[in-house]
Protein backbone atom coordinates (compact mmCIF):
# COMPACT_ATOMS: atom_id res chain seq x y z
CA UNK A 1 66.63 183.62 -5.21
CA UNK A 2 69.11 184.82 -7.82
CA UNK A 3 72.79 184.41 -7.08
CA UNK A 4 74.89 187.59 -7.24
CA UNK A 5 77.04 188.25 -10.26
CA UNK A 6 80.52 186.70 -10.01
CA UNK A 7 81.89 190.16 -10.83
CA UNK A 8 80.11 191.84 -7.90
CA UNK A 9 82.49 193.05 -5.23
CA UNK A 10 80.04 194.40 -2.63
CA UNK A 11 77.13 192.17 -1.58
CA UNK A 12 74.37 193.53 0.65
CA UNK A 13 71.95 191.43 2.69
CA UNK A 14 69.73 193.16 5.20
CA UNK A 15 71.75 195.82 7.05
CA UNK A 16 75.04 194.06 6.27
CA UNK A 17 77.49 194.52 3.39
CA UNK A 18 80.29 192.10 2.52
CA UNK A 19 83.31 193.35 0.59
CA UNK A 20 84.31 190.27 -1.44
CA UNK A 21 87.78 191.61 -2.19
CA UNK A 22 88.91 192.68 1.27
CA UNK A 23 86.76 190.20 3.18
CA UNK A 24 85.31 192.95 5.38
CA UNK A 25 81.80 192.73 6.80
CA UNK A 26 80.02 195.98 7.72
CA UNK A 27 76.81 196.67 9.58
CA UNK A 28 75.29 199.99 8.48
CA UNK A 29 78.79 201.01 7.41
CA UNK A 30 80.47 200.01 10.70
CA UNK A 31 83.02 197.20 10.48
CA UNK A 32 82.12 193.92 12.19
CA UNK A 33 85.02 191.73 13.34
CA UNK A 34 84.79 188.22 11.88
CA UNK A 35 87.38 185.44 12.06
CA UNK A 36 88.60 183.75 8.90
CA UNK A 37 86.55 180.52 8.96
CA UNK A 38 83.21 182.21 9.72
CA UNK A 39 84.07 184.70 6.96
CA UNK A 40 84.73 181.92 4.45
CA UNK A 41 81.46 180.28 5.45
CA UNK A 42 79.63 183.59 4.93
CA UNK A 43 81.19 183.91 1.48
CA UNK A 44 79.88 180.49 0.54
CA UNK A 45 76.38 181.39 1.71
CA UNK A 46 76.07 184.88 0.20
CA UNK A 47 77.18 183.64 -3.20
CA UNK A 48 74.39 181.03 -3.17
CA UNK A 49 71.46 182.78 -1.45
CA UNK A 50 68.49 180.50 -0.84
CA UNK A 51 70.47 177.39 -1.81
CA UNK A 52 71.54 174.69 0.60
CA UNK A 53 75.30 174.62 1.13
CA UNK A 54 75.94 171.07 2.32
CA UNK A 55 78.21 170.09 5.17
CA UNK A 56 80.37 168.19 2.67
CA UNK A 57 80.83 171.34 0.56
CA UNK A 58 81.75 173.33 3.64
CA UNK A 59 84.25 170.68 4.75
CA UNK A 60 85.91 170.67 1.32
CA UNK A 61 86.07 174.47 1.22
CA UNK A 62 87.21 175.22 4.76
CA UNK A 63 89.26 172.16 5.72
CA UNK A 64 91.43 169.62 3.94
CA UNK A 65 91.12 165.92 4.82
CA UNK A 66 94.35 165.96 6.86
CA UNK A 67 93.96 169.34 8.54
CA UNK A 68 94.28 169.21 12.33
CA UNK A 69 90.66 170.07 13.18
CA UNK A 70 87.60 168.21 14.46
CA UNK A 71 85.12 168.97 11.70
CA UNK A 72 81.86 168.92 13.67
CA UNK A 73 83.32 171.03 16.46
CA UNK A 74 85.00 173.40 14.02
CA UNK A 75 81.87 173.85 11.89
CA UNK A 76 79.63 174.45 14.91
CA UNK A 77 82.09 177.03 16.18
CA UNK A 78 82.23 178.79 12.79
CA UNK A 79 78.41 178.92 12.52
CA UNK A 80 78.03 180.24 16.08
CA UNK A 81 80.61 182.97 15.46
CA UNK A 82 78.91 183.93 12.21
CA UNK A 83 75.50 184.13 13.88
CA UNK A 84 76.96 186.22 16.71
CA UNK A 85 78.42 188.65 14.19
CA UNK A 86 75.07 188.92 12.41
CA UNK A 87 72.99 189.11 15.60
CA UNK A 88 71.18 186.02 14.37
CA UNK A 89 69.45 183.15 16.15
CA UNK A 90 69.38 179.44 15.33
CA UNK A 91 65.83 179.13 16.68
CA UNK A 92 64.46 182.15 14.81
CA UNK A 93 66.94 182.84 11.99
CA UNK A 94 66.85 186.00 9.89
CA UNK A 95 69.98 185.14 7.91
CA UNK A 96 71.47 181.67 8.43
CA UNK A 97 69.08 178.74 8.50
CA UNK A 98 70.16 175.28 9.68
CA UNK A 99 68.99 172.21 7.79
CA UNK A 100 69.69 169.34 10.23
CA UNK A 101 72.25 166.81 8.96
CA UNK A 102 72.29 168.54 5.56
CA UNK A 103 73.85 171.98 5.82
CA UNK A 104 72.99 175.69 5.91
CA UNK A 105 71.52 178.38 3.70
CA UNK A 106 71.26 182.14 3.64
CA UNK A 107 67.58 183.08 3.71
CA UNK A 108 68.00 186.87 3.32
CA UNK A 109 67.96 188.43 -0.17
CA UNK A 110 71.39 189.39 -1.51
CA UNK A 111 71.89 192.50 -3.62
CA UNK A 112 75.12 193.35 -5.51
CA UNK A 113 76.25 196.95 -5.03
CA UNK A 114 78.53 199.26 -7.02
CA UNK A 115 81.92 200.09 -5.42
CA UNK A 116 81.88 202.68 -2.66
CA UNK A 117 84.49 205.42 -3.41
CA UNK A 118 85.08 206.02 0.32
CA UNK A 119 85.76 202.33 0.85
CA UNK A 120 88.16 202.28 -2.11
CA UNK A 121 90.20 205.12 -0.60
CA UNK A 122 90.24 203.41 2.81
CA UNK A 123 91.53 200.18 1.30
CA UNK A 124 94.32 201.96 -0.58
CA UNK A 125 95.35 203.67 2.66
CA UNK A 126 95.44 200.32 4.41
CA UNK A 127 97.95 198.97 1.86
CA UNK A 128 100.10 202.07 2.33
CA UNK A 129 100.05 201.59 6.11
CA UNK A 130 101.08 197.96 5.80
CA UNK A 131 103.94 198.90 3.49
CA UNK A 132 105.12 201.52 6.00
CA UNK A 133 105.80 198.81 8.57
CA UNK A 134 102.59 198.67 10.60
CA UNK A 135 101.10 195.38 11.64
CA UNK A 136 100.50 192.84 8.89
CA UNK A 137 98.53 189.73 9.79
CA UNK A 138 99.00 186.83 7.41
CA UNK A 139 96.07 184.44 7.64
CA UNK A 140 96.93 180.84 6.71
CA UNK A 141 95.31 177.45 6.54
CA UNK A 142 98.49 176.31 8.19
CA UNK A 143 98.64 177.88 11.69
CA UNK A 144 102.26 176.85 11.93
CA UNK A 145 103.10 179.37 9.22
CA UNK A 146 102.08 182.42 11.25
CA UNK A 147 104.82 185.04 10.85
CA UNK A 148 106.04 187.53 13.45
CA UNK A 149 108.55 190.36 13.57
CA UNK A 150 110.57 191.29 16.64
CA UNK A 151 110.48 195.07 16.17
CA UNK A 152 107.26 196.44 14.72
CA UNK A 153 108.72 199.91 14.37
CA UNK A 154 111.52 198.61 12.18
CA UNK A 155 111.17 199.70 8.54
CA UNK A 156 110.55 196.97 6.02
CA UNK A 157 110.57 196.72 2.28
CA UNK A 158 107.36 197.19 0.35
CA UNK A 159 106.10 193.85 -0.90
CA UNK A 160 104.36 194.06 -4.25
CA UNK A 161 100.72 193.04 -4.49
CA UNK A 162 101.64 190.41 -7.08
CA UNK A 163 104.19 188.78 -4.76
CA UNK A 164 101.73 188.88 -1.86
CA UNK A 165 99.01 187.26 -3.96
CA UNK A 166 101.28 184.40 -5.04
CA UNK A 167 102.55 183.99 -1.47
CA UNK A 168 99.01 183.61 -0.13
CA UNK A 169 98.33 180.93 -2.74
CA UNK A 170 101.33 179.08 -1.36
CA UNK A 171 99.97 179.31 2.17
CA UNK A 172 96.63 177.94 1.06
CA UNK A 173 98.24 175.12 -0.93
CA UNK A 174 100.36 174.12 2.06
CA UNK A 175 97.18 173.53 4.05
CA UNK A 176 96.69 170.27 2.14
CA UNK A 177 99.32 168.57 4.35
CA UNK A 178 100.28 166.09 1.60
CA UNK A 179 103.39 165.73 -0.52
CA UNK A 180 101.57 167.04 -3.60
CA UNK A 181 100.21 170.02 -1.63
CA UNK A 182 103.69 170.87 -0.33
CA UNK A 183 105.23 170.61 -3.81
CA UNK A 184 102.58 173.00 -5.13
CA UNK A 185 103.22 175.39 -2.23
CA UNK A 186 106.96 175.34 -2.92
CA UNK A 187 106.31 176.46 -6.49
CA UNK A 188 104.18 179.38 -5.31
CA UNK A 189 106.78 180.46 -2.74
CA UNK A 190 109.55 180.24 -5.35
CA UNK A 191 107.43 182.42 -7.63
CA UNK A 192 106.90 184.91 -4.79
CA UNK A 193 110.62 185.33 -4.09
CA UNK A 194 111.35 185.54 -7.81
CA UNK A 195 108.92 188.48 -8.00
CA UNK A 196 110.22 189.98 -4.74
CA UNK A 197 113.84 188.94 -3.97
CA UNK A 198 113.78 190.62 -0.53
CA UNK A 199 110.53 188.96 0.63
CA UNK A 200 111.86 187.46 3.88
CA UNK A 201 108.62 185.79 5.00
CA UNK A 202 108.26 184.02 1.64
CA UNK A 203 111.78 182.62 1.97
CA UNK A 204 110.94 181.45 5.51
CA UNK A 205 107.77 179.71 4.34
CA UNK A 206 109.62 178.18 1.39
CA UNK A 207 112.20 176.73 3.78
CA UNK A 208 109.55 175.46 6.18
CA UNK A 209 107.54 173.67 3.52
CA UNK A 210 110.65 172.20 1.92
CA UNK A 211 111.57 170.83 5.34
CA UNK A 212 108.11 169.24 5.58
CA UNK A 213 108.94 167.23 2.47
CA UNK A 214 111.54 165.46 4.62
CA UNK A 215 108.78 163.91 6.71
CA UNK A 216 105.94 163.07 4.31
CA UNK A 217 107.98 160.49 2.37
CA UNK A 218 107.92 159.60 -1.28
CA UNK A 219 109.63 162.77 -2.55
CA UNK A 220 113.42 162.66 -2.36
CA UNK A 221 116.13 161.69 0.14
CA UNK A 222 116.87 164.26 2.86
CA UNK A 223 120.38 164.71 1.48
CA UNK A 224 118.75 166.22 -1.64
CA UNK A 225 115.93 168.17 0.02
CA UNK A 226 117.78 169.59 3.03
CA UNK A 227 120.24 171.86 1.13
CA UNK A 228 117.36 173.63 -0.61
CA UNK A 229 115.53 174.22 2.65
CA UNK A 230 118.72 175.41 4.32
CA UNK A 231 119.45 177.92 1.57
CA UNK A 232 115.95 179.39 1.83
CA UNK A 233 116.08 179.57 5.64
CA UNK A 234 119.47 181.28 5.66
CA UNK A 235 118.30 183.77 3.03
CA UNK A 236 115.22 184.55 5.16
CA UNK A 237 117.40 185.16 8.22
CA UNK A 238 119.82 187.27 6.20
CA UNK A 239 116.88 189.51 5.34
CA UNK A 240 115.26 189.35 8.79
CA UNK A 241 116.92 187.61 11.73
CA UNK A 242 113.75 187.93 13.83
CA UNK A 243 111.72 185.34 11.91
CA UNK A 244 111.20 182.53 14.42
CA UNK A 245 109.93 180.19 11.72
CA UNK A 246 113.21 180.43 9.82
CA UNK A 247 115.27 179.69 12.96
CA UNK A 248 113.06 176.68 13.73
CA UNK A 249 113.41 175.33 10.20
CA UNK A 250 117.16 175.85 10.16
CA UNK A 251 117.39 173.87 13.41
CA UNK A 252 115.49 171.00 11.79
CA UNK A 253 117.83 171.04 8.79
CA UNK A 254 120.95 171.12 10.96
CA UNK A 255 119.71 167.93 12.60
CA UNK A 256 119.68 166.30 9.15
CA UNK A 257 123.37 167.23 8.94
CA UNK A 258 123.85 165.77 12.48
CA UNK A 259 125.05 169.14 13.75
CA UNK A 260 123.19 168.73 17.00
CA UNK A 261 124.61 171.64 19.02
CA UNK A 262 124.02 174.14 16.23
CA UNK A 263 120.46 172.83 15.79
CA UNK A 264 119.78 173.26 19.50
CA UNK A 265 121.02 176.84 19.34
CA UNK A 266 118.62 177.62 16.47
CA UNK A 267 115.67 176.14 18.37
CA UNK A 268 116.58 178.26 21.39
CA UNK A 269 116.80 181.34 19.19
CA UNK A 270 113.38 180.59 17.71
CA UNK A 271 111.85 180.30 21.18
CA UNK A 272 113.47 183.54 22.32
CA UNK A 273 112.28 185.41 19.23
CA UNK A 274 108.73 184.14 19.66
CA UNK A 275 108.65 185.23 23.30
CA UNK A 276 110.05 188.67 22.59
CA UNK A 277 107.83 189.10 19.54
CA UNK A 278 104.71 188.37 21.61
CA UNK A 279 105.72 191.10 24.06
CA UNK A 280 106.40 193.53 21.21
CA UNK A 281 103.01 192.83 19.65
CA UNK A 282 101.23 193.40 22.97
CA UNK A 283 103.10 196.66 23.46
CA UNK A 284 102.26 197.73 19.91
CA UNK A 285 98.58 196.88 20.40
CA UNK A 286 98.38 199.14 23.48
CA UNK A 287 100.04 201.99 21.59
CA UNK A 288 97.68 201.59 18.63
CA UNK A 289 94.64 201.52 20.92
CA UNK A 290 95.73 204.81 22.51
CA UNK A 291 95.97 206.29 19.02
CA UNK A 292 92.49 205.04 18.11
CA UNK A 293 93.77 202.60 15.45
CA UNK A 294 91.63 199.72 16.67
CA UNK A 295 91.80 197.42 13.61
CA UNK A 296 95.59 197.47 13.66
CA UNK A 297 95.60 196.96 17.42
CA UNK A 298 93.40 193.89 17.09
CA UNK A 299 95.74 192.43 14.47
CA UNK A 300 98.75 193.00 16.75
CA UNK A 301 96.96 191.35 19.67
CA UNK A 302 96.05 188.36 17.48
CA UNK A 303 99.76 187.87 16.74
CA UNK A 304 100.64 188.19 20.43
CA UNK A 305 98.13 185.50 21.36
CA UNK A 306 98.71 183.16 18.42
CA UNK A 307 100.15 180.38 20.59
CA UNK A 308 97.38 177.93 21.47
CA UNK A 309 98.41 175.44 24.18
CA UNK A 310 95.33 173.33 23.44
CA UNK A 311 95.86 173.05 19.70
CA UNK A 312 96.42 169.49 18.36
CA UNK A 313 99.93 170.39 17.21
CA UNK A 314 100.86 171.76 20.64
CA UNK A 315 99.49 168.65 22.34
CA UNK A 316 101.46 166.36 20.02
CA UNK A 317 104.68 168.26 20.72
CA UNK A 318 103.95 168.10 24.46
CA UNK A 319 103.35 164.36 24.19
CA UNK A 320 106.70 163.83 22.49
CA UNK A 321 108.40 165.75 25.30
CA UNK A 322 106.60 163.68 27.93
CA UNK A 323 107.66 160.50 26.16
CA UNK A 324 111.26 161.69 25.95
CA UNK A 325 111.17 162.23 29.72
CA UNK A 326 109.78 158.75 30.29
CA UNK A 327 106.30 160.04 31.24
CA UNK A 328 104.46 157.71 28.90
CA UNK A 329 100.99 157.90 30.46
CA UNK A 330 101.04 161.69 30.24
CA UNK A 331 102.13 161.38 26.60
CA UNK A 332 99.22 159.05 25.87
CA UNK A 333 96.76 161.41 27.58
CA UNK A 334 97.99 164.38 25.54
CA UNK A 335 97.77 162.43 22.28
CA UNK A 336 94.27 161.19 23.02
CA UNK A 337 93.21 164.74 23.79
CA UNK A 338 94.68 165.84 20.44
CA UNK A 339 92.67 163.12 18.68
CA UNK A 340 89.44 164.23 20.39
CA UNK A 341 90.04 167.72 19.01
CA UNK A 342 91.23 166.47 15.63
CA UNK A 343 90.26 162.84 14.87
CA UNK A 344 91.83 163.06 11.39
CA UNK A 345 95.25 164.14 12.68
CA UNK A 346 97.26 161.21 11.34
CA UNK A 347 100.40 162.44 13.09
CA UNK A 348 98.72 162.06 16.50
CA UNK A 349 97.86 158.42 15.74
CA UNK A 350 101.43 157.83 14.52
CA UNK A 351 102.91 159.28 17.71
CA UNK A 352 100.50 157.23 19.81
CA UNK A 353 101.75 154.15 17.97
CA UNK A 354 105.38 155.00 18.78
CA UNK A 355 104.46 155.68 22.43
CA UNK A 356 102.66 152.34 22.73
CA UNK A 357 105.72 150.61 21.27
CA UNK A 358 107.92 152.18 23.94
CA UNK A 359 105.46 150.97 26.56
CA UNK A 360 105.64 147.47 24.99
CA UNK A 361 101.96 147.54 24.12
CA UNK A 362 102.28 146.18 20.60
CA UNK A 363 98.57 145.58 20.03
CA UNK A 364 97.74 149.20 20.91
CA UNK A 365 100.56 150.34 18.65
CA UNK A 366 99.11 148.33 15.75
CA UNK A 367 95.70 149.98 16.09
CA UNK A 368 97.19 153.47 16.26
CA UNK A 369 99.53 152.91 13.31
CA UNK A 370 96.77 151.37 11.21
CA UNK A 371 94.72 154.53 11.77
CA UNK A 372 97.70 156.72 10.85
CA UNK A 373 98.26 154.81 7.59
CA UNK A 374 94.56 154.91 6.69
CA UNK A 375 94.11 158.62 7.37
CA UNK A 376 97.36 159.61 5.62
CA UNK A 377 96.59 157.39 2.63
CA UNK A 378 99.77 155.38 2.95
CA UNK A 379 102.49 157.66 4.35
CA UNK A 380 105.64 155.43 4.13
CA UNK A 381 106.87 156.48 7.59
CA UNK A 382 103.52 155.49 9.10
CA UNK A 383 103.59 152.21 7.14
CA UNK A 384 107.01 151.50 8.60
CA UNK A 385 105.65 152.17 12.09
CA UNK A 386 102.88 149.65 11.44
CA UNK A 387 105.46 147.10 10.27
CA UNK A 388 107.51 147.69 13.41
CA UNK A 389 104.38 147.16 15.55
CA UNK A 390 103.53 143.93 13.71
CA UNK A 391 107.07 142.66 14.22
CA UNK A 392 107.00 143.60 17.91
CA UNK A 393 103.72 141.68 18.29
CA UNK A 394 105.29 138.61 16.58
CA UNK A 395 102.83 138.91 13.71
CA UNK A 396 105.52 137.92 11.29
CA UNK A 397 103.44 137.52 8.14
CA UNK A 398 101.93 141.00 8.44
CA UNK A 399 105.35 142.51 9.17
CA UNK A 400 106.84 140.83 6.11
CA UNK A 401 103.92 142.07 4.02
CA UNK A 402 104.68 145.64 5.08
CA UNK A 403 108.35 145.09 4.27
CA UNK A 404 107.44 143.91 0.78
CA UNK A 405 105.26 146.99 0.23
CA UNK A 406 107.96 149.37 1.42
CA UNK A 407 110.64 147.73 -0.72
CA UNK A 408 108.32 147.89 -3.75
CA UNK A 409 107.64 151.59 -3.13
CA UNK A 410 111.36 152.21 -2.71
CA UNK A 411 111.92 151.17 -6.33
CA UNK A 412 109.80 154.10 -7.57
CA UNK A 413 110.21 156.74 -4.86
CA UNK A 414 112.18 157.63 -1.75
CA UNK A 415 111.40 155.44 1.24
CA UNK A 416 113.50 155.78 4.36
CA UNK A 417 115.68 152.77 5.05
CA UNK A 418 115.42 153.38 8.80
CA UNK A 419 111.99 151.79 9.25
CA UNK A 420 112.88 148.93 6.91
CA UNK A 421 116.01 148.32 8.98
CA UNK A 422 114.11 148.27 12.26
CA UNK A 423 111.44 145.87 11.00
CA UNK A 424 114.15 143.50 9.76
CA UNK A 425 115.99 143.89 13.05
CA UNK A 426 112.90 142.90 15.05
CA UNK A 427 112.39 139.91 12.73
CA UNK A 428 115.99 138.80 13.27
CA UNK A 429 117.11 139.50 9.68
CA UNK A 430 120.59 140.82 10.45
CA UNK A 431 122.00 141.19 6.93
CA UNK A 432 118.87 142.92 5.62
CA UNK A 433 118.68 145.18 8.67
CA UNK A 434 122.32 146.27 8.30
CA UNK A 435 121.91 146.95 4.57
CA UNK A 436 118.79 149.08 5.14
CA UNK A 437 120.40 150.93 8.05
CA UNK A 438 123.43 151.72 5.90
CA UNK A 439 121.10 153.07 3.20
CA UNK A 440 119.36 155.27 5.77
CA UNK A 441 122.78 156.55 6.85
CA UNK A 442 123.70 157.42 3.26
CA UNK A 443 120.38 159.24 2.79
CA UNK A 444 120.64 161.03 6.15
CA UNK A 445 117.19 159.79 7.15
CA UNK A 446 115.27 162.16 9.42
CA UNK A 447 114.59 159.34 11.89
CA UNK A 448 118.16 159.69 13.18
CA UNK A 449 117.10 162.92 14.90
CA UNK A 450 114.30 160.95 16.58
CA UNK A 451 115.99 157.63 17.41
CA UNK A 452 114.92 157.85 21.04
CA UNK A 453 111.31 157.76 19.82
CA UNK A 454 111.73 154.29 18.27
CA UNK A 455 112.42 150.83 19.76
CA UNK A 456 116.09 149.99 20.09
CA UNK A 457 117.91 147.92 17.50
CA UNK A 458 118.66 144.56 19.09
CA UNK A 459 119.71 142.13 16.35
CA UNK A 460 122.31 144.54 14.92
CA UNK A 461 122.80 146.63 18.05
CA UNK A 462 126.14 145.01 18.92
CA UNK A 463 127.44 144.86 15.35
CA UNK A 464 130.70 146.85 14.96
CA UNK A 465 129.56 148.51 11.71
CA UNK A 466 126.27 149.62 13.30
CA UNK A 467 128.11 151.02 16.32
CA UNK A 468 130.57 152.88 14.07
CA UNK A 469 127.71 154.54 12.18
CA UNK A 470 125.97 155.49 15.42
CA UNK A 471 129.17 157.16 16.64
CA UNK A 472 129.45 159.12 13.41
CA UNK A 473 125.84 160.22 13.55
CA UNK A 474 126.10 161.16 17.21
CA UNK A 475 122.30 161.14 17.50
CA UNK A 476 121.01 161.58 21.04
CA UNK A 477 119.14 158.54 22.38
């Protein structure tokens, strides 16, 4: 079966037509709703009709190695949704055939079609509607980057197609969840705001991804990264104070500056904006339904319901709150549930390691931290957690080996001194622990905003210099 021309925009198979540019699927001219992942899977299949698209190819195309998603569950869900949209059956397929343990293929002939003038006009009208301030849904590989506005009737500037295109590339790049992916995303977002200086959402995403560089390690000290993220967040809020993402990021940055009360106020503002925005989107969806604008109503409702209490990220955050309240078993249960949903979520394993350390279960902490290091391909913060677990378990040689690795890495890249200090503290190395802690203080290490999540310093805990620095930091414990 011949593959369609790469230049073809409209691809027809059976009674369905896929618009490659807009991503719209139509059945006899009537639009069929299809979520993003099933749509991307369909695109893979229709561009290779008759050929087997392997599970490995689908994984690489739809999910990065560190994305918070259980691959088998996610792929099965995407295939089921695609078959539902096509009215297809796994037992008697007319379109999507399953090849067990190998992959899938489209068995219907695919025919490229010339552009439909009516469709072209409809698409141009859609861009005009979005520019006039109607609902815009930004689909991202990073769910955390979903953007909302408090007042949907509020006029907004028209964002150029060029700036939007670059911005979407940034969102896709950020889905890699690695330092290199974040650096690439930052470049795209910087390009987007250079093309469109009043692009508030791009500034918000730029700030958020720059703040992520604080946590992945190996990039630069927080004292160098934080000012850039702060400037982008404040510019986003200057343009649009209703962007919850920008308030959340600014709160994170203010913690790096140890301005705890101001950070708390930003987090509260972010939560309030998100709650009000959800109500606004629901109200807007009802109004749009009454006017017969069903596509726009669906987009508004998607934004209203974007919070997913059973997402891996939400479970990890809940676990951290349980742990902070001393409810360790509930924290463990939430983290294990997150790992069932997303086995490759290195952050869940890392948080499980910290929780086990607080529960004085060093052996469990070692297993969890080893998994976090393996999945993340050597995140320095996760390596430090493993070293702390080794030290807590009295496995001195392994702890010293981790220390050597971290100190070697620190000669070529930024490595937080906080973890190095805590490992030395647990090993009884007072001078080395104090020196590393002082370095972390100078760098404004992000761990200071999370000190209650780590074991207490004991060897240097009573040292006057340590206590003086703790007073200056003022970090809650």
